[in-house]
C-alpha atoms as a PDB file:
ATOM      1  CA  UNK A   1     -20.512 -14.010   8.104  1.00  0.00           C
ATOM      2  CA  UNK A   2     -21.885 -17.142  10.143  1.00  0.00           C
ATOM      3  CA  UNK A   3     -24.469 -19.087   8.025  1.00  0.00           C
ATOM      4  CA  UNK A   4     -26.616 -21.875   9.263  1.00  0.00           C
ATOM      5  CA  UNK A   5     -29.882 -23.658   7.884  1.00  0.00           C
ATOM      6  CA  UNK A   6     -32.560 -24.213  10.316  1.00  0.00           C
ATOM      7  CA  UNK A   7     -35.299 -26.961  10.936  1.00  0.00           C
ATOM      8  CA  UNK A   8     -38.183 -24.316  11.447  1.00  0.00           C
ATOM      9  CA  UNK A   9     -40.451 -27.061  11.867  1.00  0.00           C
ATOM     10  CA  UNK A  10     -38.578 -29.408  14.164  1.00  0.00           C
ATOM     11  CA  UNK A  11     -38.915 -29.733  17.858  1.00  0.00           C
ATOM     12  CA  UNK A  12     -35.649 -27.972  18.828  1.00  0.00           C
ATOM     13  CA  UNK A  13     -35.998 -24.432  19.401  1.00  0.00           C
ATOM     14  CA  UNK A  14     -34.279 -21.934  17.066  1.00  0.00           C
ATOM     15  CA  UNK A  15     -31.994 -20.491  19.869  1.00  0.00           C
ATOM     16  CA  UNK A  16     -31.019 -24.202  20.685  1.00  0.00           C
ATOM     17  CA  UNK A  17     -30.316 -24.754  16.766  1.00  0.00           C
ATOM     18  CA  UNK A  18     -27.932 -21.805  16.709  1.00  0.00           C
ATOM     19  CA  UNK A  19     -26.314 -22.510  19.970  1.00  0.00           C
ATOM     20  CA  UNK A  20     -25.586 -25.948  18.600  1.00  0.00           C
ATOM     21  CA  UNK A  21     -24.322 -24.702  15.328  1.00  0.00           C
ATOM     22  CA  UNK A  22     -22.008 -22.100  16.932  1.00  0.00           C
ATOM     23  CA  UNK A  23     -20.706 -24.512  19.512  1.00  0.00           C
ATOM     24  CA  UNK A  24     -19.747 -26.997  17.069  1.00  0.00           C
ATOM     25  CA  UNK A  25     -17.934 -24.322  14.822  1.00  0.00           C
ATOM     26  CA  UNK A  26     -15.996 -23.657  18.182  1.00  0.00           C
ATOM     27  CA  UNK A  27     -15.162 -26.977  19.067  1.00  0.00           C
ATOM     28  CA  UNK A  28     -14.137 -27.980  15.538  1.00  0.00           C
ATOM     29  CA  UNK A  29     -11.866 -25.147  15.350  1.00  0.00           C
ATOM     30  CA  UNK A  30     -13.671 -23.273  12.646  1.00  0.00           C
ATOM     31  CA  UNK A  31     -14.136 -20.520  14.926  1.00  0.00           C
ATOM     32  CA  UNK A  32     -10.775 -19.813  16.845  1.00  0.00           C
ATOM     33  CA  UNK A  33      -9.872 -18.451  20.012  1.00  0.00           C
ATOM     34  CA  UNK A  34     -10.363 -14.464  19.864  1.00  0.00           C
ATOM     35  CA  UNK A  35     -12.659 -14.439  16.867  1.00  0.00           C
ATOM     36  CA  UNK A  36     -15.271 -11.819  17.176  1.00  0.00           C
ATOM     37  CA  UNK A  37     -18.942 -13.155  16.652  1.00  0.00           C
ATOM     38  CA  UNK A  38     -21.507 -10.749  14.713  1.00  0.00           C
ATOM     39  CA  UNK A  39     -23.380  -8.361  16.721  1.00  0.00           C
ATOM     40  CA  UNK A  40     -26.826 -10.050  17.782  1.00  0.00           C
ATOM     41  CA  UNK A  41     -28.718  -7.673  15.383  1.00  0.00           C
ATOM     42  CA  UNK A  42     -26.467  -8.181  12.309  1.00  0.00           C
ATOM     43  CA  UNK A  43     -26.482 -12.092  12.866  1.00  0.00           C
ATOM     44  CA  UNK A  44     -30.261 -12.005  13.573  1.00  0.00           C
ATOM     45  CA  UNK A  45     -30.864 -10.071  10.334  1.00  0.00           C
ATOM     46  CA  UNK A  46     -28.457 -12.188   8.294  1.00  0.00           C
ATOM     47  CA  UNK A  47     -29.962 -15.309   9.545  1.00  0.00           C
ATOM     48  CA  UNK A  48     -33.707 -14.228   9.303  1.00  0.00           C
ATOM     49  CA  UNK A  49     -34.339 -14.972  13.002  1.00  0.00           C
ATOM     50  CA  UNK A  50     -35.283 -12.669  16.012  1.00  0.00           C
ATOM     51  CA  UNK A  51     -32.628 -10.829  17.945  1.00  0.00           C
ATOM     52  CA  UNK A  52     -34.128 -12.732  20.992  1.00  0.00           C
ATOM     53  CA  UNK A  53     -33.119 -15.955  19.309  1.00  0.00           C
ATOM     54  CA  UNK A  54     -29.673 -14.891  19.026  1.00  0.00           C
ATOM     55  CA  UNK A  55     -29.534 -13.320  22.395  1.00  0.00           C
ATOM     56  CA  UNK A  56     -30.524 -16.669  23.868  1.00  0.00           C
ATOM     57  CA  UNK A  57     -27.783 -18.767  21.869  1.00  0.00           C
ATOM     58  CA  UNK A  58     -25.090 -16.186  22.793  1.00  0.00           C
ATOM     59  CA  UNK A  59     -26.338 -16.369  26.548  1.00  0.00           C
ATOM     60  CA  UNK A  60     -26.103 -20.191  26.466  1.00  0.00           C
ATOM     61  CA  UNK A  61     -22.492 -20.189  24.900  1.00  0.00           C
ATOM     62  CA  UNK A  62     -21.450 -17.560  27.591  1.00  0.00           C
ATOM     63  CA  UNK A  63     -22.807 -19.395  30.392  1.00  0.00           C
ATOM     64  CA  UNK A  64     -20.967 -22.594  29.197  1.00  0.00           C
ATOM     65  CA  UNK A  65     -17.629 -20.722  28.831  1.00  0.00           C
ATOM     66  CA  UNK A  66     -17.557 -20.915  24.941  1.00  0.00           C
ATOM     67  CA  UNK A  67     -17.797 -17.159  24.446  1.00  0.00           C
ATOM     68  CA  UNK A  68     -17.325 -13.937  26.253  1.00  0.00           C
ATOM     69  CA  UNK A  69     -19.058 -10.560  26.191  1.00  0.00           C
ATOM     70  CA  UNK A  70     -16.829  -7.481  26.368  1.00  0.00           C
ATOM     71  CA  UNK A  71     -18.794  -4.524  27.134  1.00  0.00           C
ATOM     72  CA  UNK A  72     -19.049  -2.001  24.243  1.00  0.00           C
ATOM     73  CA  UNK A  73     -17.003  -4.264  21.833  1.00  0.00           C
ATOM     74  CA  UNK A  74     -18.759  -7.514  21.384  1.00  0.00           C
ATOM     75  CA  UNK A  75     -18.535 -11.143  21.856  1.00  0.00           C
ATOM     76  CA  UNK A  76     -15.521 -13.330  21.296  1.00  0.00           C
ATOM     77  CA  UNK A  77     -14.696 -16.932  21.261  1.00  0.00           C
ATOM     78  CA  UNK A  78     -12.723 -18.019  24.402  1.00  0.00           C
ATOM     79  CA  UNK A  79     -10.025 -20.514  24.528  1.00  0.00           C
ATOM     80  CA  UNK A  80     -11.848 -23.611  25.033  1.00  0.00           C
ATOM     81  CA  UNK A  81      -8.891 -25.637  26.178  1.00  0.00           C
ATOM     82  CA  UNK A  82      -8.798 -23.528  29.428  1.00  0.00           C
ATOM     83  CA  UNK A  83     -12.277 -23.249  30.015  1.00  0.00           C
ATOM     84  CA  UNK A  84     -13.621 -26.799  29.160  1.00  0.00           C
ATOM     85  CA  UNK A  85     -12.573 -30.016  31.164  1.00  0.00           C
END
C-alpha cells in the first residue's frame, strides 16, 4: 500500500502533495508501468485524507499521462517513456 507523510500545515494543498508523491514514485520507477493503484476510497482511508483529495491527485496524474483509468477496473501506471517527452 502506498504510504506518504503530508505537511498538513504547509502551503501546498493535500491533493498536490499526494500528486507529487505518486508522480515521484512513477518517475523513479518505484511504481512501474502497469502497476494498479489503490482505489480512491481505499487510499483515502489508508492515508487519512478525503476521497476528494485522492480524486484530485489521480485526475492530475491522468491529465499529465502518468496514469490511466480503466472503467470498472481502476487506475494503472502508464509507460511514461511513451507518454512523456
